[in-house]
Amino acid sequence: MKNTKKIFISALAVSLAGGSMVSIQPAQASENDAKTFSDVKPGSLYYDAVSSLSKSKIITGYPDGTYRPLEMLNRGQAAILLTRALGLDTTQVKNPGFKDVKSGSTYYNAVAALAQMNVINGYSDGTFKPEQPITRAQMAKIIAISYKLQAEDLVDNPFKDVQVKDWYASYIPALIKNKITVGTTSTSFSPNETVKRGQMALFIYRSEQMKHTIGSKIVNITDDSITLDDKVYRLNAEQKKWLNVSNLNALKGAILKATVNGNELSAIQSIQLNANGKASENSSEYKNHVVLDGAGVTLDTNVIIDSDYVSLENLTIKKNLEITSNVKNSFYANNLKVDGKISITDSGVVSASFVHLAALDNQAEKSPTVTFNNTSIQALESALNGFHVKFAGSTSVRQMTVSANTKIEGAKGITLPSIALATGALQVTIDAEVLLLELQEAKGKLTLGNNAKISNLVIPKGSDIKTIIQNYEQIKNLITKVDGKDNPDVSVPSTGGSGGGSTPEQK
């Protein structure tokens, strides 16, 4: 305890030596990009913070070119600054019910957004008092909650004006540890002192410094936390739905790219799965896959499958899903919704073992199979040679682009609206019902399976359909139209008449 107190007092002393606020380097704020204010000079206490937040459009000055850093800040203004800093949506908000913050008023949207996040809760009389000056005690609470700083007991309390049981006391330790603010003196916090515009800029600026992006490997997961290469992070309720022990086999070794705020993952940009399952030894094809079950969660995250025998289930992906060449045998998606694009692609060189593959018919004994079951797909691009893409259940695909040698298979009842065979799609097999199949590769060859049905086939100008489709004579009746016109090679049954002659060709 004594050592802790010495460190605490020492930190205060160092901070107070330069005023009541510590100096932190700007977060890549450029003087050329930031607005300059006549009353905030380079080298002044507030300059770095004001310049950085001005560049980020978090703060603005007055029409006369000043910022007025020593002017009092009210509670409504503080709410606006915080919502800008946090990037909150202030348009889709619920009425917080404060009697003095009416819909359409200056502070309404910002106050409502913070109330939804439980950052603010107003007074017991049902008011928020937006025009009232914000105090250091109030600032301590809203900054700590906004930036997810964990409340803790104020032990070895050096402040004579703060009691351990005060409502704001538990928010102070985290602010001091993260060098966001300290006392006004070594023994005073001045909780009832009003916060100035310059001070609030410093508080927000320093809080933003805690945020940084990491790329780290998942080592372990418990009920409440995730261990990455760099440190242990707390999981929130939504993250626990999929970052949990039951998914550890699929998640172990995965690379997580995230924005961290203190000891929390505030936003996950991408996750790359690296764990491999095994081939099944019985009739259950996916039994030995490693499984990531999203439990119905929605991820605003890019997901990368960079391993083999993986299943992804019960998940909505707002961004993109990438499937790489490290899927050597099998990937299975079930009950998935992908709002972005699904790409079968690779950042590196395509594996040479797949380049030589011709049409993926019965001659191809083994190829990587990607299966989508009961999956909603907006856009899918297949850009790796040798993949077999299967659609099953109630899967829907709005648009598919193929730029590699690929086999496409659709279960009965699934209709693919549009497939474009782009440059690189030299050998393609389609065994599915397609409304529009457009062949853009002049050298491309196409094989149709017995379950195929093409409503309209568009081929390059001057091309011969019999040359393009290698088994054309056997499957020509499966193609209704060519280039938007009735297929002249499709026989139409006779409608009867005298003589019962032969069926005429449709012209």
Foldseek 3Di string as FASTA:
>chain_A
DVVVLVVLLVLCVVQPVVAQARDDAAPPQDPVQFQAAPPQDPPDPLNRLNRNCRSLVLDDDDPVRHNQQQAFAFQLNLLSSLCSLLVFDLPPFDFLQAPPQDPPDPRRSSVRRCVVLVLDNADPVRHNRRRHFAFQLNVLSSLCSSLVPDFDFCPSQQAPPDDRPPPSRRSPVSCSVLRLGDQSHSHHNRRGHGHGNSSSSSNSRSQVVQKDKDKWFFADAAQFWTQTPVGIAGDDPLRSLFRYDLLCQFRHRKIWIAIDRHRHGPATAEIETAHAWDADPDPPGLPGAREGANNQHEHCYEYEYQAESYEYENYEYAEEYEYECNHFAEYEYELYEYNYEYEHYDPDDADPVQQPDAAPDPVDPGFHEYEYENYEHEEYEYEHGGYEYEYYHPYAYAEYEYQARYEYAYDPPYEHAEYEDAHNHAHYEYQDEYAEYEYHHLNHAYEYDPNYAYAEYEYDPPDDPCRRYVPCVVCVLRYQYYPPHGDQPHFDDDPDDPPPDDGDGDD
